[in-house]
């Protein structure tokens, strides 16, 4: 049986308590009430991937509504790259019709991969050509954030009581990407969840495009001695892939009765996520974009990905937009 690791000491910043220090940081990063351009807050355009699952679409729009209620800008729109309506171009048209001449676009992506690095920026260039009177700013993906780590821990805690955590392994499952930088970020997230918490093991898996897959990772945990595993889908909303993770977890548990598998769900549309979107909005407006490009496949020749360095970025056309080509070699989920 796996042994619980030794609990680490909790250090607090000098001169303040840990709780008050975190409050200061949250207020500083999430406050978007005091920025504007020429006295008017820029419009906010939230860019999602899209889903074949109507519940996933509804959750996206629920989050956009949360952001709209908390945003200092009266102009907030949310659209999709593909699969769901409305497309990005339609959202931009609406914002412009409502008087927007300065638009901050935030990719609603947990980790930065092809969509956030290539497709969306190229699409915004296209929209800038269609609307030369509009200034477009681009924010970064939500990224590795303590707010998301805390929310994930909250979801896991909802199915694992405190007294069971020392004997419970965790499996964090991401979408998977052809971008090794994005995949490596999920491993970092797993390690950050492990640090300072009682879970004896935190492993990483992917549901598509990357390995290890869910059954492989669950089998590894079983072989390492785990008798209870909680699975968390590192997704903002439900959808085809999130449901697949749930189904694969249940199927593995049914086939391996010596391992108890619990499912902790996914993030969902919450105030924490809405505030993080607004923080990314503020960064885009202030010009304080701190994206790490040190190991980006579009800048660095990583083994097996050399052809991506300097490759031309092209707009990602929504199926409902003129110019859409179904031959872009992209997996639809």
C-alpha atoms as a PDB file:
ATOM      1  CA  UNK A   1       0.000   0.000   0.000  1.00  0.00           C
ATOM      2  CA  UNK A   2       1.206   3.501  -0.776  1.00  0.00           C
ATOM      3  CA  UNK A   3       2.479   5.524   2.138  1.00  0.00           C
ATOM      4  CA  UNK A   4       1.458   9.102   2.774  1.00  0.00           C
ATOM      5  CA  UNK A   5       4.337  11.525   2.384  1.00  0.00           C
ATOM      6  CA  UNK A   6       5.516  13.652   5.277  1.00  0.00           C
ATOM      7  CA  UNK A   7       3.568  16.896   5.620  1.00  0.00           C
ATOM      8  CA  UNK A   8       5.654  19.953   4.800  1.00  0.00           C
ATOM      9  CA  UNK A   9       5.870  23.044   6.989  1.00  0.00           C
ATOM     10  CA  UNK A  10       3.734  25.998   5.998  1.00  0.00           C
ATOM     11  CA  UNK A  11       5.690  29.212   5.698  1.00  0.00           C
ATOM     12  CA  UNK A  12       4.028  32.610   5.818  1.00  0.00           C
ATOM     13  CA  UNK A  13       5.390  35.873   4.413  1.00  0.00           C
ATOM     14  CA  UNK A  14       7.128  38.086   6.972  1.00  0.00           C
ATOM     15  CA  UNK A  15       4.892  40.821   8.361  1.00  0.00           C
ATOM     16  CA  UNK A  16       1.567  39.321   7.340  1.00  0.00           C
ATOM     17  CA  UNK A  17      -0.401  36.112   7.589  1.00  0.00           C
ATOM     18  CA  UNK A  18      -0.613  33.719   4.646  1.00  0.00           C
ATOM     19  CA  UNK A  19      -4.336  34.362   4.316  1.00  0.00           C
ATOM     20  CA  UNK A  20      -4.039  38.165   4.209  1.00  0.00           C
ATOM     21  CA  UNK A  21      -1.076  37.946   1.832  1.00  0.00           C
ATOM     22  CA  UNK A  22      -3.103  35.818  -0.591  1.00  0.00           C
ATOM     23  CA  UNK A  23      -5.976  38.296  -0.304  1.00  0.00           C
ATOM     24  CA  UNK A  24      -3.664  41.144  -1.310  1.00  0.00           C
ATOM     25  CA  UNK A  25      -2.401  39.165  -4.300  1.00  0.00           C
ATOM     26  CA  UNK A  26      -5.931  38.274  -5.427  1.00  0.00           C
ATOM     27  CA  UNK A  27      -7.118  41.857  -5.144  1.00  0.00           C
ATOM     28  CA  UNK A  28      -4.105  43.130  -7.063  1.00  0.00           C
ATOM     29  CA  UNK A  29      -4.440  40.596  -9.872  1.00  0.00           C
ATOM     30  CA  UNK A  30      -8.220  40.442 -10.183  1.00  0.00           C
ATOM     31  CA  UNK A  31      -9.100  44.109  -9.780  1.00  0.00           C
ATOM     32  CA  UNK A  32     -10.084  45.453 -13.190  1.00  0.00           C
ATOM     33  CA  UNK A  33     -12.137  48.400 -12.054  1.00  0.00           C
ATOM     34  CA  UNK A  34      -9.477  51.085 -12.549  1.00  0.00           C
ATOM     35  CA  UNK A  35      -8.146  50.592 -16.063  1.00  0.00           C
ATOM     36  CA  UNK A  36      -9.479  52.161 -19.228  1.00  0.00           C
ATOM     37  CA  UNK A  37      -8.420  53.513 -22.599  1.00  0.00           C
ATOM     38  CA  UNK A  38      -9.384  57.141 -23.184  1.00  0.00           C
ATOM     39  CA  UNK A  39     -11.706  56.868 -20.207  1.00  0.00           C
ATOM     40  CA  UNK A  40     -13.543  53.826 -21.596  1.00  0.00           C
ATOM     41  CA  UNK A  41     -12.811  50.172 -20.738  1.00  0.00           C
ATOM     42  CA  UNK A  42     -11.937  48.114 -23.836  1.00  0.00           C
ATOM     43  CA  UNK A  43     -14.451  45.510 -24.973  1.00  0.00           C
ATOM     44  CA  UNK A  44     -13.772  41.924 -23.946  1.00  0.00           C
ATOM     45  CA  UNK A  45     -13.958  39.039 -26.414  1.00  0.00           C
ATOM     46  CA  UNK A  46     -13.800  35.565 -24.821  1.00  0.00           C
ATOM     47  CA  UNK A  47     -12.699  32.857 -27.240  1.00  0.00           C
ATOM     48  CA  UNK A  48     -13.685  29.231 -26.646  1.00  0.00           C
ATOM     49  CA  UNK A  49     -12.948  26.056 -28.554  1.00  0.00           C
ATOM     50  CA  UNK A  50     -16.497  24.837 -29.094  1.00  0.00           C
ATOM     51  CA  UNK A  51     -18.117  21.483 -28.363  1.00  0.00           C
ATOM     52  CA  UNK A  52     -20.502  18.966 -29.873  1.00  0.00           C
ATOM     53  CA  UNK A  53     -22.051  18.682 -26.415  1.00  0.00           C
ATOM     54  CA  UNK A  54     -24.860  21.183 -25.803  1.00  0.00           C
ATOM     55  CA  UNK A  55     -24.224  21.066 -22.047  1.00  0.00           C
ATOM     56  CA  UNK A  56     -20.641  22.175 -22.676  1.00  0.00           C
ATOM     57  CA  UNK A  57     -21.912  25.075 -24.784  1.00  0.00           C
ATOM     58  CA  UNK A  58     -24.327  26.082 -22.037  1.00  0.00           C
ATOM     59  CA  UNK A  59     -21.539  26.076 -19.448  1.00  0.00           C
ATOM     60  CA  UNK A  60     -19.400  28.305 -21.682  1.00  0.00           C
ATOM     61  CA  UNK A  61     -22.215  30.827 -22.009  1.00  0.00           C
ATOM     62  CA  UNK A  62     -22.842  30.607 -18.266  1.00  0.00           C
ATOM     63  CA  UNK A  63     -19.220  31.588 -17.657  1.00  0.00           C
ATOM     64  CA  UNK A  64     -19.467  34.453 -20.158  1.00  0.00           C
ATOM     65  CA  UNK A  65     -22.519  35.705 -18.231  1.00  0.00           C
ATOM     66  CA  UNK A  66     -20.535  35.542 -14.978  1.00  0.00           C
ATOM     67  CA  UNK A  67     -17.713  37.531 -16.555  1.00  0.00           C
ATOM     68  CA  UNK A  68     -20.163  40.069 -17.990  1.00  0.00           C
ATOM     69  CA  UNK A  69     -21.658  40.698 -14.545  1.00  0.00           C
ATOM     70  CA  UNK A  70     -18.199  41.264 -13.035  1.00  0.00           C
ATOM     71  CA  UNK A  71     -16.581  43.163 -15.899  1.00  0.00           C
ATOM     72  CA  UNK A  72     -15.988  46.934 -15.851  1.00  0.00           C
ATOM     73  CA  UNK A  73     -16.646  46.958 -19.597  1.00  0.00           C
ATOM     74  CA  UNK A  74     -20.280  46.959 -20.728  1.00  0.00           C
ATOM     75  CA  UNK A  75     -19.235  45.175 -23.939  1.00  0.00           C
ATOM     76  CA  UNK A  76     -18.487  41.468 -23.428  1.00  0.00           C
ATOM     77  CA  UNK A  77     -18.954  38.764 -26.048  1.00  0.00           C
ATOM     78  CA  UNK A  78     -18.082  35.072 -26.147  1.00  0.00           C
ATOM     79  CA  UNK A  79     -17.618  32.986 -29.287  1.00  0.00           C
ATOM     80  CA  UNK A  80     -16.063  29.826 -30.624  1.00  0.00           C
ATOM     81  CA  UNK A  81     -13.313  28.704 -32.960  1.00  0.00           C
ATOM     82  CA  UNK A  82     -15.409  25.824 -34.255  1.00  0.00           C
ATOM     83  CA  UNK A  83     -18.237  23.358 -33.581  1.00  0.00           C
ATOM     84  CA  UNK A  84     -20.476  25.820 -31.706  1.00  0.00           C
ATOM     85  CA  UNK A  85     -22.089  29.156 -32.382  1.00  0.00           C
ATOM     86  CA  UNK A  86     -21.470  32.053 -32.486  1.00  0.00           C
ATOM     87  CA  UNK A  87     -18.209  32.181 -34.501  1.00  0.00           C
ATOM     88  CA  UNK A  88     -15.541  34.749 -33.640  1.00  0.00           C
ATOM     89  CA  UNK A  89     -16.294  36.958 -36.648  1.00  0.00           C
ATOM     90  CA  UNK A  90     -19.934  37.295 -35.598  1.00  0.00           C
ATOM     91  CA  UNK A  91     -18.902  38.350 -32.090  1.00  0.00           C
ATOM     92  CA  UNK A  92     -16.487  40.943 -33.447  1.00  0.00           C
ATOM     93  CA  UNK A  93     -19.177  42.316 -35.745  1.00  0.00           C
ATOM     94  CA  UNK A  94     -21.548  42.692 -32.785  1.00  0.00           C
ATOM     95  CA  UNK A  95     -18.932  44.474 -30.668  1.00  0.00           C
ATOM     96  CA  UNK A  96     -18.123  46.876 -33.496  1.00  0.00           C
ATOM     97  CA  UNK A  97     -21.818  47.554 -34.111  1.00  0.00           C
ATOM     98  CA  UNK A  98     -22.135  48.391 -30.404  1.00  0.00           C
ATOM     99  CA  UNK A  99     -19.358  50.951 -30.718  1.00  0.00           C
ATOM    100  CA  UNK A 100     -16.232  49.006 -29.725  1.00  0.00           C
ATOM    101  CA  UNK A 101     -13.006  50.368 -31.229  1.00  0.00           C
ATOM    102  CA  UNK A 102     -10.664  48.637 -28.794  1.00  0.00           C
ATOM    103  CA  UNK A 103     -11.107  44.899 -28.221  1.00  0.00           C
ATOM    104  CA  UNK A 104      -9.187  42.692 -25.802  1.00  0.00           C
ATOM    105  CA  UNK A 105      -9.393  39.022 -26.782  1.00  0.00           C
ATOM    106  CA  UNK A 106      -8.796  36.351 -24.131  1.00  0.00           C
ATOM    107  CA  UNK A 107      -8.441  32.681 -25.149  1.00  0.00           C
ATOM    108  CA  UNK A 108     -10.514  30.542 -22.807  1.00  0.00           C
ATOM    109  CA  UNK A 109      -7.914  27.786 -22.868  1.00  0.00           C
ATOM    110  CA  UNK A 110      -6.460  26.203 -19.747  1.00  0.00           C
ATOM    111  CA  UNK A 111      -3.068  25.686 -21.397  1.00  0.00           C
ATOM    112  CA  UNK A 112      -1.470  27.371 -24.394  1.00  0.00           C
ATOM    113  CA  UNK A 113      -1.182  25.076 -27.418  1.00  0.00           C
ATOM    114  CA  UNK A 114      -1.981  25.377 -31.123  1.00  0.00           C
ATOM    115  CA  UNK A 115      -5.260  27.266 -30.799  1.00  0.00           C
ATOM    116  CA  UNK A 116      -3.906  29.885 -28.397  1.00  0.00           C
ATOM    117  CA  UNK A 117      -0.513  30.213 -30.096  1.00  0.00           C
ATOM    118  CA  UNK A 118      -1.492  30.089 -33.771  1.00  0.00           C
ATOM    119  CA  UNK A 119      -5.139  29.797 -34.749  1.00  0.00           C
ATOM    120  CA  UNK A 120      -6.612  32.576 -32.637  1.00  0.00           C
ATOM    121  CA  UNK A 121      -3.834  35.163 -33.239  1.00  0.00           C
ATOM    122  CA  UNK A 122      -4.113  34.582 -36.993  1.00  0.00           C
ATOM    123  CA  UNK A 123      -7.891  34.892 -36.767  1.00  0.00           C
ATOM    124  CA  UNK A 124      -7.550  38.221 -34.943  1.00  0.00           C
ATOM    125  CA  UNK A 125      -5.235  39.454 -37.704  1.00  0.00           C
ATOM    126  CA  UNK A 126      -7.979  38.558 -40.182  1.00  0.00           C
ATOM    127  CA  UNK A 127     -10.553  40.421 -38.103  1.00  0.00           C
ATOM    128  CA  UNK A 128      -8.216  43.406 -37.928  1.00  0.00           C
ATOM    129  CA  UNK A 129      -8.112  43.432 -41.722  1.00  0.00           C
ATOM    130  CA  UNK A 130     -11.926  43.311 -41.840  1.00  0.00           C
ATOM    131  CA  UNK A 131     -12.177  46.073 -39.203  1.00  0.00           C
ATOM    132  CA  UNK A 132      -9.174  48.400 -39.692  1.00  0.00           C
ATOM    133  CA  UNK A 133     -10.738  50.975 -37.354  1.00  0.00           C
ATOM    134  CA  UNK A 134     -10.486  48.567 -34.397  1.00  0.00           C
ATOM    135  CA  UNK A 135      -7.483  47.942 -32.196  1.00  0.00           C
ATOM    136  CA  UNK A 136      -7.123  44.296 -31.151  1.00  0.00           C
ATOM    137  CA  UNK A 137      -5.188  43.190 -28.069  1.00  0.00           C
ATOM    138  CA  UNK A 138      -4.509  39.569 -27.248  1.00  0.00           C
ATOM    139  CA  UNK A 139      -4.293  38.041 -23.786  1.00  0.00           C
ATOM    140  CA  UNK A 140      -2.793  34.746 -22.728  1.00  0.00           C
ATOM    141  CA  UNK A 141      -4.362  31.413 -21.839  1.00  0.00           C
ATOM    142  CA  UNK A 142      -5.458  30.875 -18.236  1.00  0.00           C
ATOM    143  CA  UNK A 143      -2.273  28.903 -17.585  1.00  0.00           C
ATOM    144  CA  UNK A 144      -0.837  27.423 -14.391  1.00  0.00           C
ATOM    145  CA  UNK A 145      -2.555  29.337 -11.612  1.00  0.00           C
ATOM    146  CA  UNK A 146      -3.051  28.890  -7.839  1.00  0.00           C
ATOM    147  CA  UNK A 147      -6.758  29.697  -8.250  1.00  0.00           C
ATOM    148  CA  UNK A 148      -7.166  26.671 -10.519  1.00  0.00           C
ATOM    149  CA  UNK A 149      -5.090  24.463  -8.232  1.00  0.00           C
ATOM    150  CA  UNK A 150      -7.316  25.478  -5.327  1.00  0.00           C
ATOM    151  CA  UNK A 151     -10.488  24.854  -7.304  1.00  0.00           C
ATOM    152  CA  UNK A 152      -9.207  21.432  -8.410  1.00  0.00           C
ATOM    153  CA  UNK A 153      -8.390  20.544  -4.799  1.00  0.00           C
ATOM    154  CA  UNK A 154     -11.908  21.634  -3.842  1.00  0.00           C
ATOM    155  CA  UNK A 155     -13.435  19.342  -6.476  1.00  0.00           C
ATOM    156  CA  UNK A 156     -11.282  16.415  -5.320  1.00  0.00           C
ATOM    157  CA  UNK A 157     -12.117  17.097  -1.670  1.00  0.00           C
ATOM    158  CA  UNK A 158     -15.815  16.837  -2.510  1.00  0.00           C
ATOM    159  CA  UNK A 159     -15.372  13.093  -3.152  1.00  0.00           C
ATOM    160  CA  UNK A 160     -12.462  12.338  -0.788  1.00  0.00           C
ATOM    161  CA  UNK A 161     -12.888  13.112   2.937  1.00  0.00           C
ATOM    162  CA  UNK A 162      -9.864  14.562   4.705  1.00  0.00           C
ATOM    163  CA  UNK A 163      -9.183  11.354   6.629  1.00  0.00           C
ATOM    164  CA  UNK A 164      -8.924   9.370   3.364  1.00  0.00           C
ATOM    165  CA  UNK A 165      -6.570  11.671   1.478  1.00  0.00           C
ATOM    166  CA  UNK A 166      -3.399  10.084   2.864  1.00  0.00           C
ATOM    167  CA  UNK A 167      -4.417   6.789   1.240  1.00  0.00           C
ATOM    168  CA  UNK A 168      -5.797   8.217  -2.013  1.00  0.00           C
ATOM    169  CA  UNK A 169      -3.838   8.667  -5.241  1.00  0.00           C
ATOM    170  CA  UNK A 170      -4.865  11.380  -7.715  1.00  0.00           C
ATOM    171  CA  UNK A 171      -4.949  11.175 -11.510  1.00  0.00           C
ATOM    172  CA  UNK A 172      -5.185  14.467 -13.390  1.00  0.00           C
ATOM    173  CA  UNK A 173      -6.317  13.984 -16.981  1.00  0.00           C
ATOM    174  CA  UNK A 174      -5.850  16.653 -19.628  1.00  0.00           C
ATOM    175  CA  UNK A 175      -7.007  16.934 -23.193  1.00  0.00           C
ATOM    176  CA  UNK A 176      -3.608  16.202 -24.697  1.00  0.00           C
ATOM    177  CA  UNK A 177      -1.862  18.182 -27.401  1.00  0.00           C
ATOM    178  CA  UNK A 178       0.659  17.894 -30.223  1.00  0.00           C
ATOM    179  CA  UNK A 179       2.490  20.714 -28.425  1.00  0.00           C
ATOM    180  CA  UNK A 180       4.988  19.254 -25.906  1.00  0.00           C
ATOM    181  CA  UNK A 181       5.119  22.560 -24.023  1.00  0.00           C
ATOM    182  CA  UNK A 182       1.405  22.351 -23.221  1.00  0.00           C
ATOM    183  CA  UNK A 183       1.666  18.689 -22.238  1.00  0.00           C
ATOM    184  CA  UNK A 184       4.558  19.432 -19.898  1.00  0.00           C
ATOM    185  CA  UNK A 185       2.512  22.132 -18.166  1.00  0.00           C
ATOM    186  CA  UNK A 186       0.032  19.491 -17.027  1.00  0.00           C
ATOM    187  CA  UNK A 187       2.869  17.571 -15.368  1.00  0.00           C
ATOM    188  CA  UNK A 188       3.847  20.778 -13.584  1.00  0.00           C
ATOM    189  CA  UNK A 189       0.260  21.195 -12.408  1.00  0.00           C
ATOM    190  CA  UNK A 190       0.249  17.631 -11.072  1.00  0.00           C
ATOM    191  CA  UNK A 191       3.425  18.294  -9.121  1.00  0.00           C
ATOM    192  CA  UNK A 192       2.057  21.551  -7.705  1.00  0.00           C
ATOM    193  CA  UNK A 193      -1.074  19.753  -6.506  1.00  0.00           C
ATOM    194  CA  UNK A 194       1.127  17.138  -4.847  1.00  0.00           C
ATOM    195  CA  UNK A 195       3.296  19.654  -2.986  1.00  0.00           C
ATOM    196  CA  UNK A 196       2.013  20.486   0.487  1.00  0.00           C
ATOM    197  CA  UNK A 197      -1.037  18.232   0.238  1.00  0.00           C
ATOM    198  CA  UNK A 198      -1.527  14.780   1.780  1.00  0.00           C
ATOM    199  CA  UNK A 199      -2.068  12.813  -1.448  1.00  0.00           C
ATOM    200  CA  UNK A 200       0.682  10.143  -1.637  1.00  0.00           C
ATOM    201  CA  UNK A 201       0.813  10.078  -5.457  1.00  0.00           C
ATOM    202  CA  UNK A 202      -0.385  12.495  -8.139  1.00  0.00           C
ATOM    203  CA  UNK A 203      -0.115  11.185 -11.700  1.00  0.00           C
ATOM    204  CA  UNK A 204      -0.826  12.692 -15.120  1.00  0.00           C
ATOM    205  CA  UNK A 205      -2.674  11.310 -18.147  1.00  0.00           C
ATOM    206  CA  UNK A 206      -4.249  12.494 -21.400  1.00  0.00           C
ATOM    207  CA  UNK A 207      -7.444  11.537 -23.154  1.00  0.00           C
ATOM    208  CA  UNK A 208      -6.230  12.276 -26.705  1.00  0.00           C
ATOM    209  CA  UNK A 209      -3.159  13.145 -28.792  1.00  0.00           C
ATOM    210  CA  UNK A 210      -0.652  12.335 -26.019  1.00  0.00           C
ATOM    211  CA  UNK A 211       0.309   9.519 -23.652  1.00  0.00           C
ATOM    212  CA  UNK A 212      -0.160   8.030 -21.144  1.00  0.00           C
ATOM    213  CA  UNK A 213      -3.861   7.443 -21.698  1.00  0.00           C
ATOM    214  CA  UNK A 214      -6.342   7.023 -18.835  1.00  0.00           C
ATOM    215  CA  UNK A 215      -6.350   3.194 -18.592  1.00  0.00           C
ATOM    216  CA  UNK A 216      -2.539   3.094 -18.814  1.00  0.00           C
ATOM    217  CA  UNK A 217      -2.160   5.648 -16.009  1.00  0.00           C
ATOM    218  CA  UNK A 218      -4.719   3.902 -13.793  1.00  0.00           C
ATOM    219  CA  UNK A 219      -2.919   0.602 -14.297  1.00  0.00           C
ATOM    220  CA  UNK A 220       0.376   2.236 -13.338  1.00  0.00           C
ATOM    221  CA  UNK A 221      -1.167   3.542 -10.102  1.00  0.00           C
ATOM    222  CA  UNK A 222      -2.583   0.105  -9.326  1.00  0.00           C
ATOM    223  CA  UNK A 223       0.841  -1.481  -9.884  1.00  0.00           C
ATOM    224  CA  UNK A 224       2.408   1.138  -7.601  1.00  0.00           C
ATOM    225  CA  UNK A 225       0.139  -0.079  -4.822  1.00  0.00           C
ATOM    226  CA  UNK A 226      -2.752   2.379  -4.913  1.00  0.00           C
ATOM    227  CA  UNK A 227      -6.066   0.944  -3.749  1.00  0.00           C
ATOM    228  CA  UNK A 228      -8.066   4.138  -4.171  1.00  0.00           C
ATOM    229  CA  UNK A 229      -7.718   6.701  -6.995  1.00  0.00           C
ATOM    230  CA  UNK A 230      -9.640   9.902  -7.613  1.00  0.00           C
ATOM    231  CA  UNK A 231      -9.730  11.094 -11.226  1.00  0.00           C
ATOM    232  CA  UNK A 232     -10.013  14.775 -12.099  1.00  0.00           C
ATOM    233  CA  UNK A 233     -10.628  15.986 -15.656  1.00  0.00           C
ATOM    234  CA  UNK A 234      -8.529  19.098 -16.273  1.00  0.00           C
ATOM    235  CA  UNK A 235     -11.273  20.671 -18.377  1.00  0.00           C
ATOM    236  CA  UNK A 236     -13.241  23.873 -17.989  1.00  0.00           C
ATOM    237  CA  UNK A 237     -16.517  22.370 -19.213  1.00  0.00           C
ATOM    238  CA  UNK A 238     -18.145  19.057 -19.937  1.00  0.00           C
ATOM    239  CA  UNK A 239     -18.058  17.608 -23.440  1.00  0.00           C
ATOM    240  CA  UNK A 240     -17.251  14.532 -25.481  1.00  0.00           C
ATOM    241  CA  UNK A 241     -13.733  14.167 -24.067  1.00  0.00           C
ATOM    242  CA  UNK A 242     -14.714  14.834 -20.447  1.00  0.00           C
ATOM    243  CA  UNK A 243     -17.407  12.164 -20.710  1.00  0.00           C
ATOM    244  CA  UNK A 244     -14.854   9.799 -22.257  1.00  0.00           C
ATOM    245  CA  UNK A 245     -12.564  10.232 -19.244  1.00  0.00           C
ATOM    246  CA  UNK A 246     -15.441   9.428 -16.897  1.00  0.00           C
ATOM    247  CA  UNK A 247     -16.423   6.342 -18.919  1.00  0.00           C
ATOM    248  CA  UNK A 248     -12.848   5.032 -19.188  1.00  0.00           C
ATOM    249  CA  UNK A 249     -12.360   5.478 -15.448  1.00  0.00           C
ATOM    250  CA  UNK A 250     -15.549   3.551 -14.677  1.00  0.00           C
ATOM    251  CA  UNK A 251     -14.650   0.800 -17.153  1.00  0.00           C
ATOM    252  CA  UNK A 252     -11.204   0.343 -15.601  1.00  0.00           C
ATOM    253  CA  UNK A 253     -12.700   0.141 -12.117  1.00  0.00           C
ATOM    254  CA  UNK A 254     -15.219  -2.485 -13.272  1.00  0.00           C
ATOM    255  CA  UNK A 255     -12.388  -4.578 -14.736  1.00  0.00           C
ATOM    256  CA  UNK A 256     -10.086  -4.177 -11.707  1.00  0.00           C
ATOM    257  CA  UNK A 257     -12.063  -4.743  -8.547  1.00  0.00           C
ATOM    258  CA  UNK A 258      -8.971  -4.339  -6.357  1.00  0.00           C
ATOM    259  CA  UNK A 259      -8.897  -0.617  -7.233  1.00  0.00           C
ATOM    260  CA  UNK A 260     -11.541   1.866  -6.135  1.00  0.00           C
ATOM    261  CA  UNK A 261     -11.907   4.728  -8.628  1.00  0.00           C
ATOM    262  CA  UNK A 262     -13.803   7.922  -7.811  1.00  0.00           C
ATOM    263  CA  UNK A 263     -14.515  10.736 -10.251  1.00  0.00           C
ATOM    264  CA  UNK A 264     -14.137  14.369  -9.144  1.00  0.00           C
ATOM    265  CA  UNK A 265     -15.446  16.045 -12.306  1.00  0.00           C
ATOM    266  CA  UNK A 266     -13.989  19.200 -13.882  1.00  0.00           C
ATOM    267  CA  UNK A 267     -13.746  22.938 -13.160  1.00  0.00           C
ATOM    268  CA  UNK A 268     -17.075  24.218 -14.502  1.00  0.00           C
ATOM    269  CA  UNK A 269     -18.243  27.846 -14.818  1.00  0.00           C
ATOM    270  CA  UNK A 270     -17.255  29.425 -11.501  1.00  0.00           C
ATOM    271  CA  UNK A 271     -16.451  32.838 -10.067  1.00  0.00           C
ATOM    272  CA  UNK A 272     -12.804  31.803  -9.705  1.00  0.00           C
ATOM    273  CA  UNK A 273     -12.530  31.141 -13.444  1.00  0.00           C
ATOM    274  CA  UNK A 274     -14.459  34.325 -14.285  1.00  0.00           C
ATOM    275  CA  UNK A 275     -12.070  36.410 -12.172  1.00  0.00           C
ATOM    276  CA  UNK A 276      -9.080  34.790 -13.866  1.00  0.00           C
ATOM    277  CA  UNK A 277     -10.507  35.687 -17.291  1.00  0.00           C
ATOM    278  CA  UNK A 278     -10.813  39.298 -16.135  1.00  0.00           C
ATOM    279  CA  UNK A 279      -7.228  39.211 -14.861  1.00  0.00           C
ATOM    280  CA  UNK A 280      -6.080  38.093 -18.313  1.00  0.00           C
ATOM    281  CA  UNK A 281      -8.221  40.881 -19.805  1.00  0.00           C
ATOM    282  CA  UNK A 282      -6.486  43.430 -17.608  1.00  0.00           C
ATOM    283  CA  UNK A 283      -3.059  42.101 -18.610  1.00  0.00           C
ATOM    284  CA  UNK A 284      -3.910  42.436 -22.288  1.00  0.00           C
ATOM    285  CA  UNK A 285      -5.049  46.029 -21.814  1.00  0.00           C
ATOM    286  CA  UNK A 286      -2.053  47.050 -19.715  1.00  0.00           C
ATOM    287  CA  UNK A 287       0.404  45.300 -22.021  1.00  0.00           C
ATOM    288  CA  UNK A 288       1.695  43.095 -19.191  1.00  0.00           C
ATOM    289  CA  UNK A 289       1.661  39.761 -21.041  1.00  0.00           C
ATOM    290  CA  UNK A 290       4.102  37.353 -19.398  1.00  0.00           C
ATOM    291  CA  UNK A 291       3.801  34.230 -21.490  1.00  0.00           C
ATOM    292  CA  UNK A 292       6.769  31.857 -21.293  1.00  0.00           C
ATOM    293  CA  UNK A 293       8.038  31.108 -24.800  1.00  0.00           C
ATOM    294  CA  UNK A 294      11.352  29.485 -23.827  1.00  0.00           C
ATOM    295  CA  UNK A 295      10.278  26.012 -24.968  1.00  0.00           C
ATOM    296  CA  UNK A 296       7.591  26.899 -27.503  1.00  0.00           C
ATOM    297  CA  UNK A 297       7.723  24.641 -30.579  1.00  0.00           C
ATOM    298  CA  UNK A 298       7.145  27.685 -32.796  1.00  0.00           C
ATOM    299  CA  UNK A 299      10.347  29.320 -31.511  1.00  0.00           C
ATOM    300  CA  UNK A 300      12.630  26.467 -30.475  1.00  0.00           C
ATOM    301  CA  UNK A 301      13.581  23.391 -32.539  1.00  0.00           C
ATOM    302  CA  UNK A 302      12.508  20.624 -30.171  1.00  0.00           C
ATOM    303  CA  UNK A 303      13.266  17.051 -31.318  1.00  0.00           C
ATOM    304  CA  UNK A 304      10.496  15.803 -33.581  1.00  0.00           C
ATOM    305  CA  UNK A 305       8.898  19.242 -33.956  1.00  0.00           C
ATOM    306  CA  UNK A 306      11.572  21.087 -35.969  1.00  0.00           C
ATOM    307  CA  UNK A 307       9.184  21.854 -38.841  1.00  0.00           C
ATOM    308  CA  UNK A 308       6.998  24.001 -36.574  1.00  0.00           C
ATOM    309  CA  UNK A 309       9.662  26.663 -36.003  1.00  0.00           C
ATOM    310  CA  UNK A 310       8.668  29.801 -37.870  1.00  0.00           C
ATOM    311  CA  UNK A 311       5.747  28.076 -39.585  1.00  0.00           C
ATOM    312  CA  UNK A 312       3.153  30.463 -40.984  1.00  0.00           C
ATOM    313  CA  UNK A 313       0.118  30.964 -38.762  1.00  0.00           C
ATOM    314  CA  UNK A 314      -3.200  30.862 -40.611  1.00  0.00           C
ATOM    315  CA  UNK A 315      -6.685  31.906 -39.443  1.00  0.00           C
ATOM    316  CA  UNK A 316      -8.870  29.163 -38.038  1.00  0.00           C
ATOM    317  CA  UNK A 317     -12.202  29.432 -39.850  1.00  0.00           C
ATOM    318  CA  UNK A 318     -15.358  28.474 -38.011  1.00  0.00           C
ATOM    319  CA  UNK A 319     -17.611  26.147 -40.078  1.00  0.00           C
ATOM    320  CA  UNK A 320     -20.149  28.972 -40.329  1.00  0.00           C
ATOM    321  CA  UNK A 321     -17.578  31.466 -41.651  1.00  0.00           C
ATOM    322  CA  UNK A 322     -16.680  31.976 -45.327  1.00  0.00           C
ATOM    323  CA  UNK A 323     -13.330  30.365 -46.109  1.00  0.00           C
ATOM    324  CA  UNK A 324     -13.688  27.361 -43.778  1.00  0.00           C
ATOM    325  CA  UNK A 325     -11.748  24.344 -45.010  1.00  0.00           C
ATOM    326  CA  UNK A 326     -12.454  20.954 -43.458  1.00  0.00           C
ATOM    327  CA  UNK A 327      -9.036  19.759 -44.538  1.00  0.00           C
ATOM    328  CA  UNK A 328      -7.078  21.451 -41.765  1.00  0.00           C
ATOM    329  CA  UNK A 329      -6.170  18.147 -40.148  1.00  0.00           C
ATOM    330  CA  UNK A 330      -7.625  19.011 -36.758  1.00  0.00           C
ATOM    331  CA  UNK A 331      -9.414  16.727 -34.319  1.00  0.00           C
ATOM    332  CA  UNK A 332     -12.992  17.878 -33.623  1.00  0.00           C
ATOM    333  CA  UNK A 333     -14.397  17.205 -30.147  1.00  0.00           C
END
